[in-house]
Amino acid sequence: LSPRNFTGSNAGVWVVGGSSGYFG
C-alpha cells in the first residue's frame, strides 16, 4: 500500500518480488 517515490510522470510503490522475496 506504501508509495516509494515520484519521478517526472512515474509514481513508484513498494513491491515484493514473488518467490524471490525481493523488496523494492
PDB file of all heavy atoms in Angstrom:
ATOM      1  N   LEU A   1       0.822  -1.209   0.000  1.00  0.00           N
ATOM      2  CA  LEU A   1       0.000   0.000   0.000  1.00  0.00           C
ATOM      3  C   LEU A   1       0.858   1.263   0.000  1.00  0.00           C
ATOM      4  O   LEU A   1       0.373   2.344  -0.305  1.00  0.00           O
ATOM      5  CB  LEU A   1      -0.917  -0.008   1.235  1.00  0.00           C
ATOM      6  CG  LEU A   1      -1.900   1.130   1.396  1.00  0.00           C
ATOM      7  CD1 LEU A   1      -2.903   1.129   0.240  1.00  0.00           C
ATOM      8  CD2 LEU A   1      -2.630   1.009   2.721  1.00  0.00           C
ATOM      9  N   SER A   2       2.147   1.131   0.288  1.00  0.00           N
ATOM     10  CA  SER A   2       3.011   2.285   0.542  1.00  0.00           C
ATOM     11  C   SER A   2       3.662   2.860  -0.708  1.00  0.00           C
ATOM     12  O   SER A   2       4.307   2.137  -1.472  1.00  0.00           O
ATOM     13  CB  SER A   2       4.114   1.894   1.521  1.00  0.00           C
ATOM     14  OG  SER A   2       3.555   1.432   2.722  1.00  0.00           O
ATOM     15  N   PRO A   3       3.542   4.177  -0.906  1.00  0.00           N
ATOM     16  CA  PRO A   3       4.264   4.822  -2.001  1.00  0.00           C
ATOM     17  C   PRO A   3       5.765   4.802  -1.728  1.00  0.00           C
ATOM     18  O   PRO A   3       6.203   4.760  -0.580  1.00  0.00           O
ATOM     19  CB  PRO A   3       3.729   6.253  -1.995  1.00  0.00           C
ATOM     20  CG  PRO A   3       3.236   6.470  -0.611  1.00  0.00           C
ATOM     21  CD  PRO A   3       2.792   5.131  -0.101  1.00  0.00           C
ATOM     22  N   ARG A   4       6.562   4.816  -2.795  1.00  0.00           N
ATOM     23  CA  ARG A   4       8.022   4.785  -2.659  1.00  0.00           C
ATOM     24  C   ARG A   4       8.649   6.084  -3.139  1.00  0.00           C
ATOM     25  O   ARG A   4       9.458   6.679  -2.492  1.00  0.00           O
ATOM     26  CB  ARG A   4       8.586   3.588  -3.429  1.00  0.00           C
ATOM     27  CG  ARG A   4      10.079   3.563  -3.687  1.00  0.00           C
ATOM     28  CD  ARG A   4      10.840   3.127  -2.471  1.00  0.00           C
ATOM     29  NE  ARG A   4      12.216   2.752  -2.645  1.00  0.00           N
ATOM     30  CZ  ARG A   4      13.159   3.380  -3.319  1.00  0.00           C
ATOM     31  NH1 ARG A   4      12.892   4.436  -4.026  1.00  0.00           N
ATOM     32  NH2 ARG A   4      14.402   2.934  -3.327  1.00  0.00           N
ATOM     33  N   ASN A   5       8.265   6.520  -4.348  1.00  0.00           N
ATOM     34  CA  ASN A   5       8.848   7.753  -4.896  1.00  0.00           C
ATOM     35  C   ASN A   5       7.997   8.266  -6.057  1.00  0.00           C
ATOM     36  O   ASN A   5       7.073   7.597  -6.524  1.00  0.00           O
ATOM     37  CB  ASN A   5      10.285   7.510  -5.367  1.00  0.00           C
ATOM     38  CG  ASN A   5      10.371   6.514  -6.518  1.00  0.00           C
ATOM     39  OD1 ASN A   5       9.422   5.816  -6.824  1.00  0.00           O
ATOM     40  ND2 ASN A   5      11.532   6.437  -7.138  1.00  0.00           N
ATOM     41  N   PHE A   6       8.326   9.462  -6.516  1.00  0.00           N
ATOM     42  CA  PHE A   6       7.700  10.027  -7.706  1.00  0.00           C
ATOM     43  C   PHE A   6       8.785  10.742  -8.483  1.00  0.00           C
ATOM     44  O   PHE A   6       9.481  11.598  -7.957  1.00  0.00           O
ATOM     45  CB  PHE A   6       6.586  11.015  -7.346  1.00  0.00           C
ATOM     46  CG  PHE A   6       5.892  11.566  -8.544  1.00  0.00           C
ATOM     47  CD1 PHE A   6       4.922  10.821  -9.194  1.00  0.00           C
ATOM     48  CD2 PHE A   6       6.224  12.810  -9.052  1.00  0.00           C
ATOM     49  CE1 PHE A   6       4.281  11.309 -10.329  1.00  0.00           C
ATOM     50  CE2 PHE A   6       5.596  13.308 -10.174  1.00  0.00           C
ATOM     51  CZ  PHE A   6       4.626  12.560 -10.809  1.00  0.00           C
ATOM     52  N   THR A   7       8.977  10.341  -9.750  1.00  0.00           N
ATOM     53  CA  THR A   7       9.969  10.978 -10.609  1.00  0.00           C
ATOM     54  C   THR A   7       9.318  11.318 -11.935  1.00  0.00           C
ATOM     55  O   THR A   7       8.841  10.428 -12.643  1.00  0.00           O
ATOM     56  CB  THR A   7      11.173  10.052 -10.866  1.00  0.00           C
ATOM     57  OG1 THR A   7      10.702   8.811 -11.399  1.00  0.00           O
ATOM     58  CG2 THR A   7      11.944   9.790  -9.584  1.00  0.00           C
ATOM     59  N   GLY A   8       9.260  12.594 -12.257  1.00  0.00           N
ATOM     60  CA  GLY A   8       8.645  13.014 -13.516  1.00  0.00           C
ATOM     61  C   GLY A   8       7.192  12.613 -13.581  1.00  0.00           C
ATOM     62  O   GLY A   8       6.362  13.118 -12.843  1.00  0.00           O
ATOM     63  N   SER A   9       6.881  11.658 -14.448  1.00  0.00           N
ATOM     64  CA  SER A   9       5.496  11.217 -14.603  1.00  0.00           C
ATOM     65  C   SER A   9       5.268   9.817 -14.034  1.00  0.00           C
ATOM     66  O   SER A   9       4.231   9.217 -14.273  1.00  0.00           O
ATOM     67  CB  SER A   9       5.114  11.238 -16.085  1.00  0.00           C
ATOM     68  OG  SER A   9       5.963  10.362 -16.800  1.00  0.00           O
ATOM     69  N   ASN A  10       6.237   9.288 -13.290  1.00  0.00           N
ATOM     70  CA  ASN A  10       6.120   7.930 -12.754  1.00  0.00           C
ATOM     71  C   ASN A  10       6.053   7.911 -11.234  1.00  0.00           C
ATOM     72  O   ASN A  10       6.918   8.468 -10.556  1.00  0.00           O
ATOM     73  CB  ASN A  10       7.312   7.067 -13.190  1.00  0.00           C
ATOM     74  CG  ASN A  10       7.344   6.854 -14.677  1.00  0.00           C
ATOM     75  OD1 ASN A  10       6.322   6.628 -15.294  1.00  0.00           O
ATOM     76  ND2 ASN A  10       8.541   6.932 -15.255  1.00  0.00           N
ATOM     77  N   ALA A  11       5.025   7.252 -10.708  1.00  0.00           N
ATOM     78  CA  ALA A  11       4.913   7.036  -9.265  1.00  0.00           C
ATOM     79  C   ALA A  11       5.398   5.633  -8.956  1.00  0.00           C
ATOM     80  O   ALA A  11       5.053   4.681  -9.654  1.00  0.00           O
ATOM     81  CB  ALA A  11       3.466   7.211  -8.819  1.00  0.00           C
ATOM     82  N   GLY A  12       6.197   5.499  -7.915  1.00  0.00           N
ATOM     83  CA  GLY A  12       6.709   4.200  -7.508  1.00  0.00           C
ATOM     84  C   GLY A  12       6.051   3.728  -6.227  1.00  0.00           C
ATOM     85  O   GLY A  12       5.707   4.513  -5.352  1.00  0.00           O
ATOM     86  N   VAL A  13       5.868   2.419  -6.117  1.00  0.00           N
ATOM     87  CA  VAL A  13       5.259   1.795  -4.948  1.00  0.00           C
ATOM     88  C   VAL A  13       6.169   0.655  -4.494  1.00  0.00           C
ATOM     89  O   VAL A  13       6.803  -0.015  -5.314  1.00  0.00           O
ATOM     90  CB  VAL A  13       3.845   1.255  -5.300  1.00  0.00           C
ATOM     91  CG1 VAL A  13       3.229   0.514  -4.138  1.00  0.00           C
ATOM     92  CG2 VAL A  13       2.939   2.382  -5.740  1.00  0.00           C
ATOM     93  N   TRP A  14       6.238   0.425  -3.177  1.00  0.00           N
ATOM     94  CA  TRP A  14       6.995  -0.706  -2.658  1.00  0.00           C
ATOM     95  C   TRP A  14       6.326  -2.007  -3.086  1.00  0.00           C
ATOM     96  O   TRP A  14       5.105  -2.133  -3.006  1.00  0.00           O
ATOM     97  CB  TRP A  14       7.066  -0.654  -1.139  1.00  0.00           C
ATOM     98  CG  TRP A  14       7.983   0.407  -0.622  1.00  0.00           C
ATOM     99  CD1 TRP A  14       7.629   1.622  -0.111  1.00  0.00           C
ATOM    100  CD2 TRP A  14       9.403   0.350  -0.574  1.00  0.00           C
ATOM    101  NE1 TRP A  14       8.745   2.319   0.246  1.00  0.00           N
ATOM    102  CE2 TRP A  14       9.851   1.568  -0.025  1.00  0.00           C
ATOM    103  CE3 TRP A  14      10.348  -0.600  -0.945  1.00  0.00           C
ATOM    104  CZ2 TRP A  14      11.210   1.838   0.178  1.00  0.00           C
ATOM    105  CZ3 TRP A  14      11.689  -0.320  -0.755  1.00  0.00           C
ATOM    106  CH2 TRP A  14      12.102   0.882  -0.202  1.00  0.00           C
ATOM    107  N   VAL A  15       7.136  -2.954  -3.549  1.00  0.00           N
ATOM    108  CA  VAL A  15       6.634  -4.247  -4.018  1.00  0.00           C
ATOM    109  C   VAL A  15       7.503  -5.372  -3.469  1.00  0.00           C
ATOM    110  O   VAL A  15       8.631  -5.150  -3.038  1.00  0.00           O
ATOM    111  CB  VAL A  15       6.618  -4.336  -5.563  1.00  0.00           C
ATOM    112  CG1 VAL A  15       5.645  -3.349  -6.167  1.00  0.00           C
ATOM    113  CG2 VAL A  15       8.001  -4.148  -6.143  1.00  0.00           C
ATOM    114  N   VAL A  16       6.959  -6.594  -3.510  1.00  0.00           N
ATOM    115  CA  VAL A  16       7.728  -7.791  -3.183  1.00  0.00           C
ATOM    116  C   VAL A  16       7.769  -8.650  -4.435  1.00  0.00           C
ATOM    117  O   VAL A  16       6.749  -8.868  -5.096  1.00  0.00           O
ATOM    118  CB  VAL A  16       7.118  -8.570  -2.002  1.00  0.00           C
ATOM    119  CG1 VAL A  16       7.872  -9.875  -1.763  1.00  0.00           C
ATOM    120  CG2 VAL A  16       7.135  -7.715  -0.745  1.00  0.00           C
ATOM    121  N   GLY A  17       8.952  -9.140  -4.767  1.00  0.00           N
ATOM    122  CA  GLY A  17       9.188  -9.878  -6.000  1.00  0.00           C
ATOM    123  C   GLY A  17       8.829 -11.343  -5.950  1.00  0.00           C
ATOM    124  O   GLY A  17       9.700 -12.191  -6.150  1.00  0.00           O
ATOM    125  N   GLY A  18       7.586 -11.641  -5.669  1.00  0.00           N
ATOM    126  CA  GLY A  18       7.109 -13.016  -5.740  1.00  0.00           C
ATOM    127  C   GLY A  18       7.978 -13.994  -4.979  1.00  0.00           C
ATOM    128  O   GLY A  18       8.377 -13.742  -3.846  1.00  0.00           O
ATOM    129  N   SER A  19       8.302 -15.120  -5.605  1.00  0.00           N
ATOM    130  CA  SER A  19       9.040 -16.182  -4.939  1.00  0.00           C
ATOM    131  C   SER A  19      10.491 -15.805  -4.619  1.00  0.00           C
ATOM    132  O   SER A  19      11.119 -16.433  -3.776  1.00  0.00           O
ATOM    133  CB  SER A  19       8.996 -17.464  -5.765  1.00  0.00           C
ATOM    134  OG  SER A  19       9.452 -17.217  -7.077  1.00  0.00           O
ATOM    135  N   SER A  20      11.022 -14.768  -5.256  1.00  0.00           N
ATOM    136  CA  SER A  20      12.387 -14.336  -4.930  1.00  0.00           C
ATOM    137  C   SER A  20      12.437 -13.559  -3.625  1.00  0.00           C
ATOM    138  O   SER A  20      13.495 -13.447  -3.008  1.00  0.00           O
ATOM    139  CB  SER A  20      12.959 -13.464  -6.049  1.00  0.00           C
ATOM    140  OG  SER A  20      12.388 -12.157  -6.017  1.00  0.00           O
ATOM    141  N   GLY A  21      11.309 -12.987  -3.203  1.00  0.00           N
ATOM    142  CA  GLY A  21      11.278 -12.194  -1.983  1.00  0.00           C
ATOM    143  C   GLY A  21      12.011 -10.875  -2.090  1.00  0.00           C
ATOM    144  O   GLY A  21      12.326 -10.251  -1.086  1.00  0.00           O
ATOM    145  N   TYR A  22      12.273 -10.414  -3.325  1.00  0.00           N
ATOM    146  CA  TYR A  22      12.955  -9.124  -3.497  1.00  0.00           C
ATOM    147  C   TYR A  22      12.032  -8.004  -3.044  1.00  0.00           C
ATOM    148  O   TYR A  22      10.872  -7.941  -3.449  1.00  0.00           O
ATOM    149  CB  TYR A  22      13.356  -8.910  -4.960  1.00  0.00           C
ATOM    150  CG  TYR A  22      14.036  -7.586  -5.186  1.00  0.00           C
ATOM    151  CD1 TYR A  22      15.370  -7.417  -4.875  1.00  0.00           C
ATOM    152  CD2 TYR A  22      13.326  -6.502  -5.681  1.00  0.00           C
ATOM    153  CE1 TYR A  22      16.007  -6.195  -5.059  1.00  0.00           C
ATOM    154  CE2 TYR A  22      13.940  -5.273  -5.875  1.00  0.00           C
ATOM    155  CZ  TYR A  22      15.278  -5.123  -5.561  1.00  0.00           C
ATOM    156  OH  TYR A  22      15.895  -3.918  -5.730  1.00  0.00           O
ATOM    157  N   PHE A  23      12.530  -7.101  -2.214  1.00  0.00           N
ATOM    158  CA  PHE A  23      11.746  -5.980  -1.697  1.00  0.00           C
ATOM    159  C   PHE A  23      12.281  -4.706  -2.320  1.00  0.00           C
ATOM    160  O   PHE A  23      13.420  -4.317  -2.078  1.00  0.00           O
ATOM    161  CB  PHE A  23      11.864  -5.943  -0.173  1.00  0.00           C
ATOM    162  CG  PHE A  23      11.062  -4.865   0.502  1.00  0.00           C
ATOM    163  CD1 PHE A  23       9.743  -4.629   0.160  1.00  0.00           C
ATOM    164  CD2 PHE A  23      11.629  -4.113   1.515  1.00  0.00           C
ATOM    165  CE1 PHE A  23       8.997  -3.657   0.810  1.00  0.00           C
ATOM    166  CE2 PHE A  23      10.899  -3.145   2.183  1.00  0.00           C
ATOM    167  CZ  PHE A  23       9.584  -2.916   1.829  1.00  0.00           C
ATOM    168  N   GLY A  24      11.493  -4.099  -3.196  1.00  0.00           N
ATOM    169  CA  GLY A  24      11.962  -2.917  -3.898  1.00  0.00           C
ATOM    170  C   GLY A  24      10.825  -2.070  -4.419  1.00  0.00           C
ATOM    171  O   GLY A  24       9.748  -2.012  -3.831  1.00  0.00           O
TER     172      GLY A  24
END
